[in-house]
Protein backbone atom coordinates (compact mmCIF):
# COMPACT_ATOMS: atom_id res chain seq x y z
CA MET A 1 -19.19 22.24 48.44
CA ASP A 2 -20.35 20.32 45.42
CA SER A 3 -17.52 19.40 43.04
CA GLY A 4 -19.87 18.28 40.23
CA PRO A 5 -20.80 20.43 37.23
CA SER A 6 -22.91 23.44 38.03
CA GLN A 7 -26.25 24.15 36.36
CA GLY A 8 -25.13 26.51 33.57
CA THR A 9 -21.80 24.97 32.55
CA GLU A 10 -22.84 21.65 31.01
CA THR A 11 -21.16 21.02 27.68
CA PRO A 12 -23.54 20.33 24.82
CA GLU A 13 -23.05 17.11 22.90
CA PRO A 14 -21.50 17.65 19.47
CA SER A 15 -23.94 17.35 16.63
CA VAL A 16 -22.81 15.65 13.43
CA THR A 17 -24.11 17.20 10.25
CA PHE A 18 -24.30 15.72 6.78
CA ARG A 19 -21.70 18.25 5.67
CA ASP A 20 -19.25 16.98 8.29
CA LEU A 21 -19.87 13.38 7.27
CA ALA A 22 -19.37 14.21 3.58
CA ALA A 23 -16.16 16.13 4.31
CA ASN A 24 -14.80 13.26 6.40
CA PHE A 25 -15.71 10.74 3.72
CA VAL A 26 -13.98 12.79 1.00
CA ARG A 27 -10.87 13.13 3.17
CA TYR A 28 -10.94 9.38 3.79
CA LEU A 29 -11.09 8.72 0.04
CA GLU A 30 -8.18 11.11 -0.58
CA LEU A 31 -6.03 9.35 2.00
CA ARG A 32 -6.93 5.91 0.64
CA LEU A 33 -5.98 6.99 -2.90
CA GLN A 34 -2.65 8.36 -1.65
CA LEU A 35 -1.99 5.08 0.13
CA PHE A 36 -2.95 3.16 -3.01
CA GLY A 37 -0.42 5.21 -4.98
CA VAL A 38 2.35 4.37 -2.52
CA GLU A 39 1.41 0.70 -2.53
CA SER A 40 1.30 0.68 -6.34
CA ARG A 41 4.83 2.04 -6.58
CA GLU A 42 6.06 -0.49 -4.04
CA THR A 43 4.31 -3.33 -5.87
CA GLY A 44 5.80 -2.16 -9.17
CA LEU A 45 9.27 -2.19 -7.68
CA HIS A 46 8.78 -5.74 -6.37
CA LEU A 47 7.51 -6.90 -9.75
CA LEU A 48 10.55 -5.35 -11.44
CA VAL A 49 12.90 -7.19 -9.08
CA LEU A 50 11.05 -10.47 -9.65
CA ALA A 51 11.20 -9.99 -13.43
CA LEU A 52 14.95 -9.37 -13.28
CA LEU A 53 15.42 -12.50 -11.18
CA LEU A 54 13.36 -14.55 -13.62
CA VAL A 55 15.36 -13.27 -16.61
CA THR A 56 18.61 -14.07 -14.79
CA ILE A 57 17.45 -17.62 -14.05
CA VAL A 58 16.43 -18.15 -17.68
CA ILE A 59 19.78 -16.84 -18.95
CA CYS A 60 21.68 -19.11 -16.55
CA PHE A 61 19.59 -22.12 -17.57
CA VAL A 62 20.12 -21.43 -21.28
CA GLY A 63 23.86 -21.11 -20.63
CA PHE A 64 23.84 -24.40 -18.75
CA VAL A 65 22.03 -26.16 -21.59
CA GLY A 66 24.43 -24.64 -24.11
CA MET A 67 27.43 -25.85 -22.14
CA MET A 68 25.90 -29.34 -21.89
CA ILE A 69 25.41 -29.43 -25.66
CA VAL A 70 28.91 -28.19 -26.40
CA PHE A 71 30.87 -30.32 -23.91
CA CYS A 72 28.80 -33.47 -23.52
CA PHE A 73 27.60 -34.18 -27.05
CA THR A 74 30.76 -33.40 -29.03
C-alpha cells in the first residue's frame, strides 16, 4: 500500500496572471490609502493637542511676566 499521491490526483500549481497581480496591487493601494487616512486623523489630533499646550504655556508665561511687571517694578 503506497500512501503517496496517486498518478491522477496531483494538484496543479496555481498560475498567477497579470489580472490577479493588478487586482492585488489595486487592493493594496486601497488599504494603504485607508491606513493613511486613519494616520492623518490621528496626527491631526496630536497636532491639535500640542497646539493647545503651546498656547497654554504662552498664556502662562505672559501672565508671569505681567505679574513680575506689576509687583516687582512698582
